[in-house]
Protein backbone atom coordinates (compact mmCIF):
# COMPACT_ATOMS: atom_id res chain seq x y z
CA UNK A 1 -17.59 -11.10 -66.80
CA UNK A 2 -16.84 -9.27 -63.57
CA UNK A 3 -19.41 -7.23 -61.70
CA UNK A 4 -18.39 -3.57 -61.85
CA UNK A 5 -20.59 -2.73 -58.89
CA UNK A 6 -18.71 -5.15 -56.65
CA UNK A 7 -15.15 -4.83 -55.36
CA UNK A 8 -13.52 -8.08 -56.43
CA UNK A 9 -10.42 -9.40 -54.73
CA UNK A 10 -7.37 -10.70 -56.54
CA UNK A 11 -7.95 -14.11 -58.19
CA UNK A 12 -4.74 -15.68 -56.83
CA UNK A 13 -5.33 -14.78 -53.18
CA UNK A 14 -3.24 -12.72 -50.81
CA UNK A 15 -1.32 -13.25 -47.59
CA UNK A 16 -0.84 -10.80 -44.73
CA UNK A 17 2.55 -9.07 -44.76
CA UNK A 18 5.02 -10.22 -42.13
CA UNK A 19 7.89 -7.89 -41.26
CA UNK A 20 11.29 -9.00 -39.98
CA UNK A 21 11.09 -6.59 -37.06
CA UNK A 22 7.98 -8.30 -35.73
CA UNK A 23 9.64 -11.72 -35.96
CA UNK A 24 12.73 -10.55 -34.09
CA UNK A 25 10.60 -9.06 -31.33
CA UNK A 26 8.96 -12.42 -30.55
CA UNK A 27 11.44 -15.09 -29.39
CA UNK A 28 11.14 -18.38 -31.23
CA UNK A 29 8.94 -17.05 -34.04
CA UNK A 30 11.60 -17.63 -36.71
CA UNK A 31 12.99 -20.88 -35.30
CA UNK A 32 12.82 -24.01 -37.40
CA UNK A 33 10.83 -26.84 -35.76
CA UNK A 34 12.98 -29.81 -34.79
CA UNK A 35 12.08 -33.47 -35.08
CA UNK A 36 11.43 -34.89 -31.62
CA UNK A 37 10.73 -38.45 -32.76
CA UNK A 38 13.26 -41.21 -33.15
CA UNK A 39 14.51 -41.90 -36.70
CA UNK A 40 12.43 -45.09 -36.88
CA UNK A 41 9.37 -43.72 -35.05
CA UNK A 42 6.18 -43.09 -37.00
CA UNK A 43 3.47 -40.56 -36.39
CA UNK A 44 0.11 -41.75 -35.13
CA UNK A 45 -2.51 -42.32 -37.82
CA UNK A 46 -6.26 -41.86 -37.55
CA UNK A 47 -8.14 -43.98 -40.11
CA UNK A 48 -11.92 -44.36 -40.35
CA UNK A 49 -14.01 -46.15 -42.97
CA UNK A 50 -17.64 -45.84 -44.05
CA UNK A 51 -18.04 -42.10 -43.56
CA UNK A 52 -19.84 -41.38 -46.87
CA UNK A 53 -23.09 -43.39 -47.21
CA UNK A 54 -23.65 -42.55 -50.88
CA UNK A 55 -20.33 -44.14 -51.94
CA UNK A 56 -19.61 -47.85 -52.27
CA UNK A 57 -16.66 -47.40 -49.93
CA UNK A 58 -14.98 -44.48 -48.21
CA UNK A 59 -12.15 -43.72 -45.81
CA UNK A 60 -10.70 -40.73 -43.96
CA UNK A 61 -7.03 -40.53 -42.98
CA UNK A 62 -5.26 -38.02 -40.77
CA UNK A 63 -1.72 -37.83 -39.43
CA UNK A 64 -1.07 -36.66 -35.90
CA UNK A 65 0.62 -33.23 -35.90
CA UNK A 66 4.18 -33.17 -34.66
CA UNK A 67 4.76 -31.70 -31.16
CA UNK A 68 6.29 -28.55 -32.63
CA UNK A 69 3.31 -28.09 -34.95
CA UNK A 70 0.82 -28.67 -32.15
CA UNK A 71 2.59 -26.10 -29.97
CA UNK A 72 2.65 -23.56 -32.80
CA UNK A 73 -1.07 -24.01 -33.40
CA UNK A 74 -2.05 -23.74 -29.74
CA UNK A 75 0.14 -20.68 -29.09
CA UNK A 76 0.80 -18.84 -32.37
CA UNK A 77 3.63 -16.32 -32.24
CA UNK A 78 3.15 -14.72 -35.65
CA UNK A 79 0.64 -14.37 -38.46
CA UNK A 80 2.48 -16.98 -40.52
CA UNK A 81 0.53 -20.25 -40.46
CA UNK A 82 2.56 -23.20 -39.16
CA UNK A 83 3.33 -26.34 -41.13
CA UNK A 84 0.50 -28.67 -42.04
CA UNK A 85 -0.35 -32.28 -41.21
CA UNK A 86 -1.84 -34.60 -43.82
CA UNK A 87 -5.64 -34.94 -43.97
CA UNK A 88 -7.46 -36.58 -46.86
CA UNK A 89 -10.72 -38.32 -47.75
CA UNK A 90 -11.18 -41.17 -50.25
CA UNK A 91 -14.35 -42.40 -51.97
CA UNK A 92 -14.88 -45.48 -54.14
CA UNK A 93 -17.75 -45.76 -56.65
CA UNK A 94 -18.34 -49.10 -58.32
CA UNK A 95 -17.91 -51.59 -59.74
CA UNK A 96 -20.42 -50.23 -62.23
CA UNK A 97 -21.13 -51.07 -65.90
CA UNK A 98 -19.16 -49.26 -68.54
CA UNK A 99 -21.04 -46.98 -70.95
CA UNK A 100 -22.15 -48.39 -74.30
CA UNK A 101 -19.62 -46.27 -76.15
CA UNK A 102 -16.69 -47.81 -74.23
CA UNK A 103 -14.67 -50.62 -75.76
CA UNK A 104 -14.90 -54.14 -74.37
CA UNK A 105 -12.58 -54.82 -71.44
CA UNK A 106 -12.18 -58.32 -69.93
CA UNK A 107 -10.87 -56.77 -66.70
CA UNK A 108 -11.97 -54.05 -64.33
CA UNK A 109 -11.23 -50.54 -65.60
CA UNK A 110 -9.63 -48.58 -62.74
CA UNK A 111 -9.74 -44.78 -62.67
CA UNK A 112 -8.02 -42.69 -59.99
CA UNK A 113 -8.54 -38.99 -59.37
CA UNK A 114 -6.42 -37.04 -56.86
CA UNK A 115 -7.30 -33.40 -56.20
CA UNK A 116 -6.05 -30.82 -53.72
CA UNK A 117 -8.63 -28.65 -52.05
CA UNK A 118 -8.06 -24.93 -52.81
CA UNK A 119 -7.08 -24.35 -49.17
CA UNK A 120 -5.01 -27.54 -48.74
CA UNK A 121 -1.53 -26.12 -49.41
CA UNK A 122 0.27 -22.93 -48.44
CA UNK A 123 -0.11 -21.76 -52.04
CA UNK A 124 -3.70 -21.78 -53.28
CA UNK A 125 -4.62 -24.57 -55.68
CA UNK A 126 -6.83 -24.09 -58.72
CA UNK A 127 -10.01 -25.97 -59.53
CA UNK A 128 -8.37 -27.69 -62.52
CA UNK A 129 -5.87 -30.43 -61.79
CA UNK A 130 -2.24 -29.51 -62.40
CA UNK A 131 0.70 -31.74 -63.34
CA UNK A 132 1.50 -32.75 -59.75
CA UNK A 133 -2.05 -33.94 -59.10
CA UNK A 134 -2.12 -35.95 -62.31
CA UNK A 135 1.23 -37.45 -61.38
CA UNK A 136 -0.14 -38.54 -58.00
CA UNK A 137 -3.11 -40.14 -59.74
CA UNK A 138 -0.84 -42.18 -62.02
CA UNK A 139 1.27 -43.42 -59.10
CA UNK A 140 -1.85 -44.33 -57.13
CA UNK A 141 -3.34 -46.25 -60.05
CA UNK A 142 -0.12 -48.23 -60.46
CA UNK A 143 -0.08 -49.10 -56.76
CA UNK A 144 -3.68 -50.36 -56.76
CA UNK A 145 -3.58 -52.33 -60.01
CA UNK A 146 -1.36 -54.96 -58.42
CA UNK A 147 -3.82 -55.46 -55.54
CA UNK A 148 -7.30 -55.60 -57.07
CA UNK A 149 -8.45 -58.87 -58.68
CA UNK A 150 -9.49 -57.16 -61.92
CA UNK A 151 -10.66 -60.28 -63.81
CA UNK A 152 -13.62 -60.69 -61.44
CA UNK A 153 -15.50 -57.74 -63.01
CA UNK A 154 -15.33 -57.68 -66.82
CA UNK A 155 -16.97 -54.77 -68.61
CA UNK A 156 -17.03 -52.79 -65.34
CA UNK A 157 -15.39 -49.65 -64.02
CA UNK A 158 -14.16 -48.50 -60.63
CA UNK A 159 -13.68 -44.82 -59.78
CA UNK A 160 -11.45 -43.81 -56.86
CA UNK A 161 -11.49 -40.15 -55.87
CA UNK A 162 -9.20 -38.65 -53.22
CA UNK A 163 -9.61 -35.12 -51.92
CA UNK A 164 -6.64 -33.75 -50.00
CA UNK A 165 -7.98 -31.44 -47.32
CA UNK A 166 -4.61 -30.52 -45.83
CA UNK A 167 -1.25 -31.32 -47.43
CA UNK A 168 2.21 -31.29 -45.94
CA UNK A 169 4.61 -28.51 -46.88
CA UNK A 170 7.56 -29.12 -49.17
CA UNK A 171 9.85 -27.02 -46.96
CA UNK A 172 9.85 -24.68 -44.01
CA UNK A 173 8.20 -21.34 -44.69
CA UNK A 174 11.44 -19.36 -44.09
CA UNK A 175 13.57 -21.44 -46.48
CA UNK A 176 14.46 -20.00 -49.84
CA UNK A 177 12.71 -21.65 -52.79
CA UNK A 178 16.04 -22.78 -54.27
CA UNK A 179 17.13 -24.73 -51.19
CA UNK A 180 14.30 -27.25 -51.55
CA UNK A 181 13.51 -27.41 -55.23
CA UNK A 182 11.78 -30.82 -55.06
CA UNK A 183 8.22 -31.44 -53.92
CA UNK A 184 9.06 -33.58 -50.90
CA UNK A 185 5.59 -33.20 -49.42
CA UNK A 186 4.11 -35.18 -52.31
CA UNK A 187 5.86 -38.32 -51.05
CA UNK A 188 3.90 -38.31 -47.79
CA UNK A 189 0.73 -37.42 -49.66
CA UNK A 190 1.12 -40.43 -51.97
CA UNK A 191 1.74 -42.78 -49.04
CA UNK A 192 -1.41 -41.52 -47.32
CA UNK A 193 -3.42 -41.86 -50.55
CA UNK A 194 -2.35 -45.50 -50.94
CA UNK A 195 -3.31 -46.41 -47.37
CA UNK A 196 -6.66 -44.60 -47.50
CA UNK A 197 -7.54 -46.05 -50.92
CA UNK A 198 -6.83 -49.58 -49.70
CA UNK A 199 -9.17 -49.07 -46.74
CA UNK A 200 -11.90 -47.63 -48.98
CA UNK A 201 -11.59 -50.54 -51.44
CA UNK A 202 -11.97 -53.05 -48.61
CA UNK A 203 -14.95 -51.06 -47.32
CA UNK A 204 -16.51 -51.36 -50.81
CA UNK A 205 -16.27 -55.20 -50.63
CA UNK A 206 -13.97 -55.48 -53.64
CA UNK A 207 -11.80 -58.58 -53.92
CA UNK A 208 -8.10 -57.89 -53.35
CA UNK A 209 -5.00 -59.99 -52.95
CA UNK A 210 -3.99 -58.17 -49.77
CA UNK A 211 -4.23 -54.85 -47.98
CA UNK A 212 -1.65 -52.46 -49.40
CA UNK A 213 -0.08 -49.71 -47.28
CA UNK A 214 2.19 -46.79 -48.14
CA UNK A 215 5.44 -45.89 -46.40
CA UNK A 216 8.06 -43.14 -46.74
CA UNK A 217 11.76 -43.01 -45.86
CA UNK A 218 14.28 -40.26 -46.60
CA UNK A 219 17.93 -39.30 -46.19
CA UNK A 220 17.99 -35.96 -44.34
CA UNK A 221 20.48 -33.46 -42.95
CA UNK A 222 19.52 -31.19 -40.05
CA UNK A 223 22.26 -28.52 -40.37
CA UNK A 224 24.52 -27.06 -43.09
CA UNK A 225 27.66 -27.94 -41.08
CA UNK A 226 28.65 -29.58 -37.83
CA UNK A 227 27.66 -32.93 -36.31
CA UNK A 228 24.01 -32.46 -37.28
CA UNK A 229 25.00 -32.17 -40.94
CA UNK A 230 25.71 -35.91 -41.15
CA UNK A 231 23.06 -37.55 -43.35
CA UNK A 232 20.80 -40.12 -41.74
CA UNK A 233 17.87 -42.29 -42.77
CA UNK A 234 14.56 -41.43 -41.07
CA UNK A 235 11.06 -42.84 -41.49
CA UNK A 236 7.89 -40.81 -41.99
CA UNK A 237 9.66 -37.51 -42.61
CA UNK A 238 8.18 -34.05 -42.17
CA UNK A 239 9.99 -31.74 -44.66
CA UNK A 240 9.52 -28.70 -42.43
CA UNK A 241 11.56 -30.29 -39.62
CA UNK A 242 14.77 -30.85 -41.64
CA UNK A 243 17.24 -28.43 -43.14
CA UNK A 244 17.83 -30.51 -46.26
CA UNK A 245 16.42 -33.70 -47.79
CA UNK A 246 18.86 -35.48 -50.08
CA UNK A 247 16.61 -38.27 -51.33
CA UNK A 248 13.32 -39.93 -50.46
CA UNK A 249 11.44 -43.11 -51.33
CA UNK A 250 7.78 -44.12 -51.11
CA UNK A 251 6.53 -47.68 -51.61
CA UNK A 252 3.19 -49.50 -51.75
CA UNK A 253 3.74 -52.74 -49.85
CA UNK A 254 1.67 -55.90 -49.30
CA UNK A 255 2.93 -57.55 -46.08
CA UNK A 256 1.32 -60.98 -46.38
CA UNK A 257 2.67 -61.51 -49.91
CA UNK A 258 5.90 -59.54 -49.31
CA UNK A 259 5.45 -57.67 -52.59
CA UNK A 260 5.89 -54.05 -53.66
CA UNK A 261 3.34 -52.79 -56.16
CA UNK A 262 4.69 -49.24 -56.51
CA UNK A 263 8.01 -47.56 -55.79
CA UNK A 264 8.96 -43.92 -56.29
CA UNK A 265 12.51 -42.67 -55.69
CA UNK A 266 13.46 -39.00 -55.77
CA UNK A 267 16.77 -37.24 -55.15
CA UNK A 268 20.44 -38.27 -55.23
CA UNK A 269 21.74 -40.52 -52.47
CA UNK A 270 25.00 -41.52 -54.16
CA UNK A 271 27.06 -38.95 -52.19
CA UNK A 272 25.33 -39.45 -48.84
CA UNK A 273 27.50 -41.19 -46.23
CA UNK A 274 26.32 -42.28 -42.78
CA UNK A 275 28.98 -40.86 -40.46
CA UNK A 276 32.57 -39.89 -41.18
CA UNK A 277 33.71 -43.36 -42.18
CA UNK A 278 30.31 -44.99 -42.56
CA UNK A 279 28.87 -46.72 -45.62
CA UNK A 280 27.16 -44.93 -48.42
CA UNK A 281 23.40 -44.74 -48.41
CA UNK A 282 22.06 -46.60 -51.42
CA UNK A 283 18.61 -47.24 -52.74
CA UNK A 284 18.37 -50.50 -50.79
CA UNK A 285 18.53 -48.68 -47.44
CA UNK A 286 15.80 -46.27 -48.52
CA UNK A 287 13.55 -49.07 -49.80
CA UNK A 288 14.00 -51.08 -46.60
CA UNK A 289 13.12 -48.03 -44.51
CA UNK A 290 10.02 -47.31 -46.60
CA UNK A 291 8.91 -50.95 -46.26
CA UNK A 292 9.27 -50.72 -42.47
CA UNK A 293 7.12 -47.58 -42.48
CA UNK A 294 4.51 -49.35 -44.63
CA UNK A 295 4.36 -52.24 -42.15
CA UNK A 296 3.59 -49.80 -39.37
CA UNK A 297 0.79 -48.24 -41.41
CA UNK A 298 -0.54 -51.72 -42.22
CA UNK A 299 -1.23 -52.43 -38.55
CA UNK A 300 -3.49 -49.38 -38.38
CA UNK A 301 -5.11 -50.35 -41.68
CA UNK A 302 -5.96 -53.87 -40.46
CA UNK A 303 -7.56 -52.54 -37.27
CA UNK A 304 -9.62 -49.89 -39.07
CA UNK A 305 -11.46 -52.30 -41.39
CA UNK A 306 -14.69 -53.81 -40.04
CA UNK A 307 -14.39 -57.39 -41.24
CA UNK A 308 -17.68 -58.38 -39.62
CA UNK A 309 -19.58 -56.01 -41.89
CA UNK A 310 -17.57 -57.21 -44.87
CA UNK A 311 -18.37 -60.86 -44.12
CA UNK A 312 -22.09 -60.11 -43.78
CA UNK A 313 -22.16 -58.21 -47.06
CA UNK A 314 -20.33 -60.95 -48.96
CA UNK A 315 -23.19 -63.38 -48.30
CA UNK A 316 -24.92 -61.72 -51.25
CA UNK A 317 -21.87 -62.06 -53.49
CA UNK A 318 -20.64 -65.15 -55.36
CA UNK A 319 -18.87 -67.83 -53.31
CA UNK A 320 -15.54 -66.88 -54.87
CA UNK A 321 -15.73 -63.39 -53.36
CA UNK A 322 -16.65 -64.81 -49.96
CA UNK A 323 -13.72 -67.22 -50.07
CA UNK A 324 -11.37 -64.41 -51.03
CA UNK A 325 -12.33 -62.31 -48.01
CA UNK A 326 -12.16 -65.25 -45.63
CA UNK A 327 -8.68 -65.98 -46.91
CA UNK A 328 -7.66 -62.36 -46.39
CA UNK A 329 -9.11 -62.42 -42.90
CA UNK A 330 -7.21 -65.61 -42.13
CA UNK A 331 -3.95 -63.91 -43.10
CA UNK A 332 -4.62 -60.99 -40.77
CA UNK A 333 -5.88 -63.18 -37.88
CA UNK A 334 -4.32 -66.68 -37.83
CA UNK A 335 -6.89 -67.94 -35.29
CA UNK A 336 -9.72 -67.57 -37.78
CA UNK A 337 -9.64 -70.52 -40.18
CA UNK A 338 -13.08 -70.11 -41.73
CA UNK A 339 -15.66 -67.36 -41.76
CA UNK A 340 -18.16 -69.69 -40.05
CA UNK A 341 -15.71 -70.88 -37.38
CA UNK A 342 -16.51 -70.70 -33.69
CA UNK A 343 -14.28 -67.89 -32.46
CA UNK A 344 -14.95 -68.74 -28.82
CA UNK A 345 -13.58 -72.26 -29.15
CA UNK A 346 -10.65 -71.06 -31.20
CA UNK A 347 -9.70 -68.52 -28.52
CA UNK A 348 -10.17 -71.01 -25.65
CA UNK A 349 -8.22 -73.74 -27.44
CA UNK A 350 -10.99 -76.35 -27.13
CA UNK A 351 -10.53 -77.57 -30.65
CA UNK A 352 -9.84 -76.66 -34.20
CA UNK A 353 -12.10 -73.98 -35.61
CA UNK A 354 -12.43 -75.89 -38.85
CA UNK A 355 -13.78 -78.91 -36.92
CA UNK A 356 -16.36 -76.80 -35.07
CA UNK A 357 -18.19 -75.92 -38.27
CA UNK A 358 -17.16 -78.23 -41.10
CA UNK A 359 -18.02 -77.00 -44.57
CA UNK A 360 -20.16 -79.31 -46.71
CA UNK A 361 -18.38 -81.33 -49.34
CA UNK A 362 -18.68 -80.36 -53.01
CA UNK A 363 -20.72 -83.52 -53.73
CA UNK A 364 -23.39 -82.58 -51.17
CA UNK A 365 -23.56 -79.09 -52.60
CA UNK A 366 -24.11 -80.50 -56.08
CA UNK A 367 -26.89 -82.84 -54.86
CA UNK A 368 -28.66 -79.95 -53.17
CA UNK A 369 -28.50 -77.87 -56.32
CA UNK A 370 -29.88 -80.76 -58.42
CA UNK A 371 -32.86 -81.20 -56.10
CA UNK A 372 -33.71 -77.54 -56.35
CA UNK A 373 -33.65 -77.72 -60.13
CA UNK A 374 -35.58 -81.02 -60.46
CA UNK A 375 -38.45 -80.16 -58.09
CA UNK A 376 -40.20 -77.65 -60.41
CA UNK A 377 -39.98 -80.16 -63.27
CA UNK A 378 -41.76 -82.90 -61.28
CA UNK A 379 -44.51 -80.53 -60.19
CA UNK A 380 -45.07 -79.42 -63.75
CA UNK A 381 -45.49 -83.01 -64.99
CA UNK A 382 -48.06 -83.81 -62.26
CA UNK A 383 -50.13 -80.77 -63.17
CA UNK A 384 -50.06 -81.76 -66.85
């Protein structure tokens, strides 16, 4: 029930009116921002792990605003807010036991939850998830299922929650709704969710086959006619900087295994031709471009994870988990052969790191375990 003594605002929110006369009076207020990066140049990524102490693992990801967006924010020329840059936070809770009412599962039960903040997009989002948010959750779950070693945790669950603080626009604010009918901003959001979720899973000390990163590529056209109207393939697209987007692709890629765990294609690229007499743009060109973008994001992902903290925490886990993380660390840094290797000697080239700290043989480990088990038995017989 509403309070009759209080003046309540509209439930859907309002925006200040902007008149065409005010836009014409200010030069450059109604000018579309142009892409100033090269077609294969990616935006800078800020990635930080371990920001939420109460969660098993957490990560925060933010894309650097484009130069046109940064200029519009520093010197606004109208009341219309400029385009947005992606900002999101990811939390991982688990692995934790399943409730008694749940059915038996021999593998880890993965649950993903993607939610926009009410202020994240240009149009206000509700508190209940809509179809687009549920769709993002399904794509994210598919991308992570091929990475996590699920058979290590039977009868357990893992909850991954992503809150999108600022999402990218699907089109420029002055474009008609019919000119960009597809949600192109969701492609960049999904790529950021995949990268942030992979960092949070590694921060939670969960065994994975590799670090998975998300990448986006699209076929765009910058003008309705003229030389700029020729379609071209660009990486890490910002929908507000292009007049039209013909098709786009987002992938979840594991570089060390050269595998794709998730792929999402949108649009029609069958009629797109690179140049007047150039070849047609097929799905292969889009997938290759998205993989290149994912490799660039993977370099940031590998530097953001604190492997020293992960190695210290895995001392409390079973030996299989420790071996899995050492193997992953060896893939990212070829100089490190074992987690107990002498990094100083490996860097100086004085000898093999495996020779500096040889691991005990399985027979010696078995003898040590037998002694620990037999000692209480001998003491008990002497007391008797």
